[in-house]
Amino acid sequence: MSDASMRSSAVPEGWTLRPLLELVSIRSGQVNPTRNPFNTMLMVAPDHIQAGTGRLLARKTAEEQGAISGKYLVEPGDVVYSKIRPYLRKAIISDFHGLCSADMYPFTPRNSTDSRFILGIILSNRFSEFAISVSARSGIPKINREELAEYSLPAPRGDEQRAIGNALSDVDALISSLERLIAKKQAVKQGAMQQLLTADIHDDWKLQQLGTLLTGHPSYGINAAASTYSHDEPTYLRITDISDDGRFTPDPKVSVRHPSAKSYFLRDGDLVFARTGASTGKAYRYRPKDGPLVYAGFLIRVTPDPARLDPSYLSYFVQSKSYWDWVAVMSVRSGQPGINGNEYAGLPISFPKIEQQRAISSRLADMDEGIEILATRLAKTRAMKQGMMQELLTGRTRLPTEGAAS
């Protein structure tokens, strides 16, 4: 976004249009990360930051990372921003004395500028659109110092920046607490699965190959390209639309346009397995609430015989450690990650009587329901934060400050 377009928009009362580099300075000069004391310092790189959240995912020293080329020094309170692939929106507030990759910029807030306000600006839609547009000029997904100098924004005084920063930090704290609670409940579920799905302690459980418990042989999906989503065409299920915990999570949802598509609709009770690539072994149990789905060619469908194998039980079994141990062995036998339909039919599965299968599935489903409720709340909270950023960082909504009259 140019200065001219920024000036054409209204600047909130009491705010001023400021170049970004009046609010922050960019540290220059690099240090050698192989020398003491720099080699023992924490060093952040773009891969260590979660896209769009302002969260640091890994803490490793320069020595642990084998760093050899020049790095920037980072101080507590700096906003560290990844200048490459700006569409990923990777930035954090540093809480350490350390280093950052030369692919990042350490922004040091000037005077009364609040770090959390700057982080919000850097993660905002407006700044990201600007960074993407200027990086596209050269065809290289990177923004440089000269381009950053072009960016201006309406900015309030320090006390209002702090109020905005406090509000966004409170939402971040709520998001973090929900994530921790979800992780805790997922760990409890994993423990329950290990206990409930372990055949070693049950004398009356059977061990059979999956293929003997199906209504037919595993079948491959349709080989067709995805098309832009349309209500007039079937929704397409691809490997990338399946989450690690086996849910349908398309981003974005797509359709499939093919005369034979109707022959590949999933039915209640079906499961599909990823048959190739890094996702080999990933599985999804079809749920009618996900809507009609046509499964793609890199997926293999199985339909359990409901009188002998409960589909829900199977969906939990394929989340277990014993299943993934089997996948690890089977997927590398040919030198390339992959498991075909005949090999999936040979999957050894331990199971009790159908009534007990259903009881186990019901108990685990109750746990899943609690996790899904929290996940929905987390998604809404993240969406709320985006809305807050849009309102607060543009001055559309104003917050009371410490110096405001009561």
Protein backbone atom coordinates (compact mmCIF):
# COMPACT_ATOMS: atom_id res chain seq x y z
CA MET A 1 0.00 0.00 0.00
CA SER A 2 1.48 3.36 -1.01
CA ASP A 3 1.72 6.49 1.16
CA ALA A 4 -0.74 8.18 -1.19
CA SER A 5 -3.40 5.53 -0.69
CA MET A 6 -2.77 5.60 3.04
CA ARG A 7 -3.21 9.38 3.17
CA SER A 8 -6.48 9.10 1.28
CA SER A 9 -7.96 7.12 4.16
CA ALA A 10 -9.11 8.83 7.32
CA VAL A 11 -6.58 9.09 10.16
CA PRO A 12 -8.34 8.69 13.54
CA GLU A 13 -8.54 11.74 15.78
CA GLY A 14 -5.43 11.99 17.94
CA TRP A 15 -3.46 9.64 15.68
CA THR A 16 -0.78 10.66 13.21
CA LEU A 17 0.39 9.19 9.92
CA ARG A 18 3.89 7.87 10.64
CA PRO A 19 6.45 6.01 8.53
CA LEU A 20 7.10 2.60 10.05
CA LEU A 21 10.80 3.41 10.32
CA GLU A 22 9.99 6.40 12.53
CA LEU A 23 8.45 3.98 15.03
CA VAL A 24 11.17 1.33 14.83
CA SER A 25 14.79 1.09 13.80
CA ILE A 26 16.27 -1.89 11.99
CA ARG A 27 19.45 -3.16 13.56
CA SER A 28 22.36 -3.44 11.11
CA GLY A 29 25.74 -5.08 11.33
CA GLN A 30 26.18 -8.81 11.69
CA VAL A 31 28.12 -11.01 14.11
CA ASN A 32 29.89 -14.32 13.63
CA PRO A 33 27.73 -17.09 15.16
CA THR A 34 30.67 -19.49 15.39
CA ARG A 35 32.47 -17.32 17.95
CA ASN A 36 31.93 -16.97 21.69
CA PRO A 37 29.61 -15.67 23.12
CA PHE A 38 27.40 -15.67 20.02
CA ASN A 39 27.61 -19.42 19.43
CA THR A 40 25.90 -20.12 22.77
CA MET A 41 23.07 -17.61 22.19
CA LEU A 42 19.56 -18.53 21.12
CA MET A 43 19.08 -17.99 17.42
CA VAL A 44 15.70 -17.62 15.72
CA ALA A 45 15.09 -18.42 12.05
CA PRO A 46 11.90 -18.16 9.97
CA ASP A 47 11.24 -21.90 10.32
CA HIS A 48 11.07 -21.50 14.10
CA ILE A 49 8.03 -19.18 13.94
CA GLN A 50 4.41 -20.17 13.51
CA ALA A 51 2.81 -18.37 10.59
CA GLY A 52 0.43 -15.56 11.48
CA THR A 53 0.40 -16.07 15.26
CA GLY A 54 3.50 -14.34 16.61
CA ARG A 55 4.56 -17.55 18.34
CA LEU A 56 8.06 -18.98 18.65
CA LEU A 57 8.04 -22.76 18.15
CA ALA A 58 11.69 -23.69 18.80
CA ARG A 59 14.53 -22.41 20.97
CA LYS A 60 17.98 -23.54 19.85
CA THR A 61 21.40 -21.98 20.07
CA ALA A 62 23.42 -20.96 17.04
CA GLU A 63 25.82 -23.82 17.78
CA GLU A 64 22.99 -26.37 17.96
CA GLN A 65 21.83 -25.20 14.54
CA GLY A 66 25.29 -25.31 13.00
CA ALA A 67 25.12 -21.61 12.08
CA ILE A 68 28.18 -20.30 10.22
CA SER A 69 27.15 -17.16 8.29
CA GLY A 70 26.58 -13.69 9.74
CA LYS A 71 23.57 -13.08 12.00
CA TYR A 72 21.85 -10.04 13.54
CA LEU A 73 21.85 -9.39 17.26
CA VAL A 74 18.43 -9.43 18.94
CA GLU A 75 17.47 -7.82 22.25
CA PRO A 76 14.40 -8.35 24.47
CA GLY A 77 11.49 -6.29 23.14
CA ASP A 78 12.65 -6.40 19.53
CA VAL A 79 10.07 -7.42 16.95
CA VAL A 80 11.81 -10.00 14.76
CA TYR A 81 10.25 -10.22 11.29
CA SER A 82 10.92 -12.69 8.48
CA LYS A 83 11.61 -10.70 5.32
CA ILE A 84 11.27 -13.77 3.08
CA ARG A 85 7.87 -15.10 1.94
CA PRO A 86 5.98 -12.21 3.57
CA TYR A 87 2.65 -13.91 2.86
CA LEU A 88 3.47 -16.27 5.77
CA ARG A 89 3.35 -13.40 8.29
CA LYS A 90 6.14 -14.64 10.53
CA ALA A 91 7.12 -12.33 13.39
CA ILE A 92 7.69 -12.53 17.15
CA ILE A 93 8.53 -10.30 20.08
CA SER A 94 11.91 -11.38 21.41
CA ASP A 95 12.17 -12.19 25.12
CA PHE A 96 15.89 -13.00 24.96
CA HIS A 97 19.35 -11.65 24.15
CA GLY A 98 20.31 -13.62 21.07
CA LEU A 99 20.57 -13.77 17.31
CA CYS A 100 18.33 -13.98 14.29
CA SER A 101 18.83 -15.26 10.78
CA ALA A 102 19.97 -12.84 8.08
CA ASP A 103 16.60 -13.64 6.47
CA MET A 104 14.95 -11.66 9.27
CA TYR A 105 14.91 -8.06 10.49
CA PRO A 106 15.14 -7.10 14.17
CA PHE A 107 12.84 -4.06 14.64
CA THR A 108 13.75 -2.07 17.77
CA PRO A 109 10.86 0.16 18.95
CA ARG A 110 11.81 3.83 19.26
CA ASN A 111 10.98 5.97 22.29
CA SER A 112 7.47 5.14 23.58
CA THR A 113 6.53 2.76 20.76
CA ASP A 114 4.99 -0.45 22.11
CA SER A 115 6.40 -3.76 20.80
CA ARG A 116 3.00 -5.46 20.93
CA PHE A 117 1.43 -2.70 18.84
CA ILE A 118 4.20 -3.10 16.24
CA LEU A 119 3.76 -6.89 16.21
CA GLY A 120 0.04 -6.39 15.59
CA ILE A 121 0.83 -4.05 12.70
CA ILE A 122 3.31 -6.51 11.17
CA LEU A 123 0.79 -9.38 11.39
CA SER A 124 -2.11 -7.29 10.09
CA ASN A 125 -3.79 -7.71 6.71
CA ARG A 126 -2.84 -4.19 5.66
CA PHE A 127 0.89 -4.55 6.23
CA SER A 128 0.97 -8.08 4.78
CA GLU A 129 -0.77 -6.92 1.60
CA PHE A 130 1.80 -4.14 1.29
CA ALA A 131 4.74 -6.50 1.87
CA ILE A 132 3.42 -9.01 -0.66
CA SER A 133 2.82 -6.32 -3.28
CA VAL A 134 6.30 -4.77 -3.05
CA SER A 135 8.04 -8.13 -2.96
CA ALA A 136 6.26 -9.04 -6.18
CA ARG A 137 7.98 -6.18 -8.05
CA SER A 138 11.19 -8.16 -8.45
CA GLY A 139 9.52 -11.55 -8.55
CA ILE A 140 11.38 -12.55 -5.38
CA PRO A 141 9.26 -13.20 -2.27
CA LYS A 142 11.31 -10.88 -0.06
CA ILE A 143 10.94 -7.35 1.29
CA ASN A 144 14.02 -5.14 1.75
CA ARG A 145 14.82 -2.11 3.92
CA GLU A 146 14.11 0.40 1.15
CA GLU A 147 10.66 -1.07 0.62
CA LEU A 148 9.94 -1.05 4.36
CA ALA A 149 10.81 2.66 4.36
CA GLU A 150 7.85 3.21 2.00
CA TYR A 151 5.28 1.99 4.52
CA SER A 152 3.35 4.46 6.65
CA LEU A 153 0.55 3.85 9.11
CA PRO A 154 -1.80 5.77 11.40
CA ALA A 155 -0.34 5.48 14.91
CA PRO A 156 -1.68 6.60 18.29
CA ARG A 157 0.34 7.87 21.26
CA GLY A 158 2.29 5.42 23.41
CA ASP A 159 -0.43 5.05 26.05
CA GLU A 160 -3.03 4.03 23.46
CA GLN A 161 -0.50 1.70 21.80
CA ARG A 162 -0.04 0.02 25.18
CA ALA A 163 -3.81 -0.31 25.63
CA ILE A 164 -4.06 -1.97 22.22
CA GLY A 165 -1.10 -4.21 23.02
CA ASN A 166 -2.68 -5.22 26.34
CA ALA A 167 -5.96 -6.12 24.64
CA LEU A 168 -4.26 -8.26 21.99
CA SER A 169 -2.03 -9.90 24.62
CA ASP A 170 -5.10 -10.86 26.65
CA VAL A 171 -6.59 -12.63 23.62
CA ASP A 172 -3.25 -14.32 22.93
CA ALA A 173 -3.22 -15.59 26.53
CA LEU A 174 -6.71 -17.04 26.06
CA ILE A 175 -5.64 -18.70 22.81
CA SER A 176 -2.57 -20.20 24.51
CA SER A 177 -4.64 -21.53 27.42
CA LEU A 178 -7.10 -23.18 25.04
CA GLU A 179 -4.25 -24.74 23.07
CA ARG A 180 -2.71 -26.12 26.26
CA LEU A 181 -6.06 -27.53 27.40
CA ILE A 182 -6.63 -29.18 24.01
CA ALA A 183 -3.12 -30.68 24.09
CA LYS A 184 -3.76 -32.01 27.61
CA LYS A 185 -7.05 -33.62 26.59
CA GLN A 186 -5.45 -35.10 23.49
CA ALA A 187 -2.72 -36.63 25.67
CA VAL A 188 -5.38 -38.12 27.97
CA LYS A 189 -7.14 -39.55 24.92
CA GLN A 190 -3.90 -41.07 23.64
CA GLY A 191 -3.38 -42.74 27.01
CA ALA A 192 -6.94 -44.08 26.95
CA MET A 193 -6.45 -45.40 23.42
CA GLN A 194 -3.26 -47.18 24.44
CA GLN A 195 -5.13 -48.85 27.26
CA LEU A 196 -8.39 -49.61 25.47
CA LEU A 197 -6.93 -50.79 22.16
CA THR A 198 -4.16 -53.01 23.50
CA ALA A 199 -4.98 -56.65 22.89
CA ASP A 200 -2.14 -58.04 25.02
CA ILE A 201 -4.21 -57.86 28.19
CA HIS A 202 -7.35 -59.38 26.68
CA ASP A 203 -7.45 -63.16 26.21
CA ASP A 204 -10.69 -63.12 24.25
CA TRP A 205 -9.63 -60.62 21.55
CA LYS A 206 -9.06 -61.76 17.97
CA LEU A 207 -6.26 -60.86 15.56
CA GLN A 208 -7.19 -60.84 11.87
CA GLN A 209 -6.20 -59.10 8.68
CA LEU A 210 -8.32 -56.08 7.82
CA GLY A 211 -9.29 -57.51 4.44
CA THR A 212 -11.21 -60.36 6.13
CA LEU A 213 -13.39 -57.85 7.99
CA LEU A 214 -14.54 -55.79 4.98
CA THR A 215 -17.59 -56.00 2.72
CA GLY A 216 -15.31 -55.87 -0.33
CA HIS A 217 -11.75 -55.31 -1.49
CA PRO A 218 -10.11 -51.89 -0.85
CA SER A 219 -10.80 -49.56 -3.79
CA TYR A 220 -8.92 -46.60 -5.25
CA GLY A 221 -10.38 -43.11 -5.72
CA ILE A 222 -11.01 -41.18 -8.90
CA ASN A 223 -8.07 -39.84 -10.90
CA ALA A 224 -9.26 -36.32 -11.64
CA ALA A 225 -8.03 -32.78 -11.10
CA ALA A 226 -9.59 -30.56 -8.47
CA SER A 227 -11.66 -27.59 -9.63
CA THR A 228 -12.79 -24.38 -7.95
CA TYR A 229 -15.47 -25.14 -5.41
CA SER A 230 -19.02 -25.03 -6.74
CA HIS A 231 -22.34 -25.97 -5.16
CA ASP A 232 -23.25 -27.54 -8.51
CA GLU A 233 -20.39 -30.07 -8.38
CA PRO A 234 -19.32 -32.71 -5.84
CA THR A 235 -16.94 -31.75 -3.06
CA TYR A 236 -13.54 -33.38 -3.55
CA LEU A 237 -11.67 -35.15 -0.72
CA ARG A 238 -7.88 -35.14 -1.14
CA ILE A 239 -5.05 -36.22 1.17
CA THR A 240 -4.40 -32.56 2.03
CA ASP A 241 -8.00 -32.17 3.23
CA ILE A 242 -7.49 -34.68 6.05
CA SER A 243 -6.05 -33.48 9.35
CA ASP A 244 -3.52 -35.47 11.37
CA ASP A 245 -6.30 -36.51 13.75
CA GLY A 246 -8.51 -37.76 10.93
CA ARG A 247 -10.94 -34.90 10.37
CA PHE A 248 -12.12 -33.28 7.13
CA THR A 249 -10.41 -29.86 7.21
CA PRO A 250 -10.29 -28.44 3.65
CA ASP A 251 -8.45 -25.16 3.11
CA PRO A 252 -9.96 -24.27 0.77
CA LYS A 253 -12.81 -26.62 -0.13
CA VAL A 254 -12.64 -27.76 -3.78
CA SER A 255 -14.87 -29.62 -6.22
CA VAL A 256 -14.32 -32.29 -8.86
CA ARG A 257 -15.68 -32.17 -12.40
CA HIS A 258 -15.76 -35.66 -13.95
CA PRO A 259 -18.50 -37.78 -15.58
CA SER A 260 -17.70 -40.75 -13.28
CA ALA A 261 -17.58 -38.74 -10.04
CA LYS A 262 -20.91 -40.12 -8.79
CA SER A 263 -19.33 -43.60 -8.59
CA TYR A 264 -16.85 -42.39 -5.97
CA PHE A 265 -19.10 -40.90 -3.29
CA LEU A 266 -18.25 -42.05 0.23
CA ARG A 267 -20.91 -43.70 2.36
CA ASP A 268 -21.47 -43.75 6.11
CA GLY A 269 -19.07 -46.34 7.54
CA ASP A 270 -16.38 -45.90 4.90
CA LEU A 271 -12.79 -45.08 5.77
CA VAL A 272 -10.13 -43.82 3.38
CA PHE A 273 -6.36 -44.20 3.73
CA ALA A 274 -3.58 -42.15 2.15
CA ARG A 275 -1.56 -44.49 -0.05
CA THR A 276 1.52 -42.48 -1.02
CA GLY A 277 3.93 -39.74 0.00
CA ALA A 278 4.70 -38.30 3.41
CA SER A 279 1.05 -38.66 4.43
CA THR A 280 0.98 -42.43 3.88
CA GLY A 281 -1.14 -44.04 6.58
CA LYS A 282 -3.26 -41.00 7.33
CA ALA A 283 -6.92 -42.04 7.59
CA TYR A 284 -10.36 -40.45 7.63
CA ARG A 285 -13.72 -41.97 8.59
CA TYR A 286 -16.51 -40.48 6.53
CA ARG A 287 -19.11 -38.55 8.50
CA PRO A 288 -22.37 -37.58 6.78
CA LYS A 289 -22.21 -34.18 8.55
CA ASP A 290 -19.20 -33.39 6.31
CA GLY A 291 -21.53 -33.47 3.31
CA PRO A 292 -21.29 -35.59 0.13
CA LEU A 293 -17.63 -36.29 -0.69
CA VAL A 294 -15.90 -37.82 -3.71
CA TYR A 295 -12.53 -39.35 -2.78
CA ALA A 296 -9.41 -38.77 -4.84
CA GLY A 297 -7.07 -41.24 -6.52
CA PHE A 298 -4.33 -41.09 -3.88
CA LEU A 299 -6.83 -42.41 -1.32
CA ILE A 300 -7.97 -46.00 -0.77
CA ARG A 301 -11.47 -46.74 0.52
CA VAL A 302 -12.38 -49.62 2.83
CA THR A 303 -15.87 -50.50 4.07
CA PRO A 304 -15.91 -52.53 7.31
CA ASP A 305 -18.52 -55.25 7.77
CA PRO A 306 -20.53 -53.60 10.59
CA ALA A 307 -21.50 -56.97 12.06
CA ARG A 308 -17.85 -57.76 12.79
CA LEU A 309 -15.89 -54.51 12.76
CA ASP A 310 -17.31 -51.22 13.98
CA PRO A 311 -16.14 -48.38 11.67
CA SER A 312 -15.60 -46.06 14.61
CA TYR A 313 -13.47 -48.68 16.35
CA LEU A 314 -11.38 -49.03 13.20
CA SER A 315 -10.98 -45.23 12.99
CA TYR A 316 -9.53 -45.22 16.52
CA PHE A 317 -7.37 -48.28 15.89
CA VAL A 318 -5.66 -46.50 13.00
CA GLN A 319 -4.66 -43.70 15.36
CA SER A 320 -2.88 -46.14 17.69
CA LYS A 321 0.86 -46.68 18.08
CA SER A 322 0.65 -50.27 16.83
CA TYR A 323 -0.95 -49.08 13.59
CA TRP A 324 1.67 -46.40 12.98
CA ASP A 325 4.45 -48.86 13.77
CA TRP A 326 3.01 -51.08 11.03
CA VAL A 327 2.81 -48.11 8.62
CA ALA A 328 6.46 -47.23 9.31
CA VAL A 329 7.55 -50.73 8.28
CA MET A 330 5.19 -51.21 5.33
CA SER A 331 5.62 -47.78 3.74
CA VAL A 332 9.37 -48.06 3.13
CA ARG A 333 9.62 -51.61 1.79
CA SER A 334 9.68 -50.41 -1.83
CA GLY A 335 12.08 -47.55 -1.16
CA GLN A 336 9.33 -44.94 -1.63
CA PRO A 337 6.69 -44.10 1.00
CA GLY A 338 3.53 -45.89 0.00
CA ILE A 339 1.04 -48.64 0.89
CA ASN A 340 -1.26 -50.14 -1.74
CA GLY A 341 -4.72 -51.66 -1.41
CA ASN A 342 -3.53 -55.25 -1.05
CA GLU A 343 -1.12 -54.20 1.70
CA TYR A 344 -3.86 -52.33 3.59
CA ALA A 345 -5.99 -55.49 3.31
CA GLY A 346 -3.18 -57.29 5.13
CA LEU A 347 -3.20 -54.89 8.08
CA PRO A 348 -3.31 -56.99 11.29
CA ILE A 349 -6.02 -55.64 13.55
CA SER A 350 -6.83 -56.76 17.09
CA PHE A 351 -10.45 -56.45 18.19
CA PRO A 352 -12.97 -57.65 20.78
CA LYS A 353 -16.62 -58.58 20.24
CA ILE A 354 -18.69 -56.00 18.38
CA GLU A 355 -20.51 -54.84 21.54
CA GLN A 356 -17.20 -54.07 23.25
CA GLN A 357 -15.91 -52.37 20.12
CA ARG A 358 -18.89 -50.02 20.24
CA ALA A 359 -18.41 -49.36 23.95
CA ILE A 360 -14.75 -48.46 23.38
CA SER A 361 -15.68 -46.22 20.45
CA SER A 362 -18.36 -44.48 22.52
CA ARG A 363 -15.91 -43.71 25.32
CA LEU A 364 -13.32 -42.30 22.94
CA ALA A 365 -15.99 -40.39 21.00
CA ASP A 366 -16.99 -38.63 24.23
CA MET A 367 -13.38 -37.50 24.59
CA ASP A 368 -13.35 -36.36 20.97
CA GLU A 369 -16.51 -34.34 21.51
CA GLY A 370 -14.89 -32.46 24.38
CA ILE A 371 -11.82 -31.76 22.25
CA GLU A 372 -13.95 -30.59 19.32
CA ILE A 373 -15.87 -28.19 21.56
CA LEU A 374 -12.59 -26.64 22.68
CA ALA A 375 -11.27 -26.59 19.10
CA THR A 376 -14.39 -24.71 17.97
CA ARG A 377 -13.92 -22.21 20.78
CA LEU A 378 -10.26 -21.82 19.81
CA ALA A 379 -11.18 -21.15 16.17
CA LYS A 380 -13.73 -18.53 17.23
CA THR A 381 -11.20 -16.88 19.54
CA ARG A 382 -8.64 -16.70 16.74
CA ALA A 383 -11.25 -15.18 14.46
CA MET A 384 -12.17 -12.72 17.21
CA LYS A 385 -8.53 -11.66 17.46
CA GLN A 386 -8.40 -10.98 13.73
CA GLY A 387 -11.50 -8.82 14.04
CA MET A 388 -10.01 -6.99 17.04
CA MET A 389 -6.81 -6.31 15.11
CA GLN A 390 -8.80 -4.85 12.24
CA GLU A 391 -10.74 -2.58 14.59
CA LEU A 392 -8.01 -1.55 17.04
CA LEU A 393 -5.07 -1.11 14.67
CA THR A 394 -7.08 1.15 12.38
CA GLY A 395 -8.62 3.23 15.18
CA ARG A 396 -12.17 2.24 14.28
CA THR A 397 -12.58 1.13 17.88
CA ARG A 398 -10.83 3.16 20.56
CA LEU A 399 -9.76 1.91 23.98
CA PRO A 400 -9.58 3.93 27.20
CA THR A 401 -6.03 4.73 28.29
CA GLU A 402 -4.47 5.19 31.70
CA GLY A 403 -4.46 8.94 31.30
CA ALA A 404 -8.08 9.18 30.14
CA ALA A 405 -10.59 10.95 32.33
CA SER A 406 -12.95 8.67 34.23
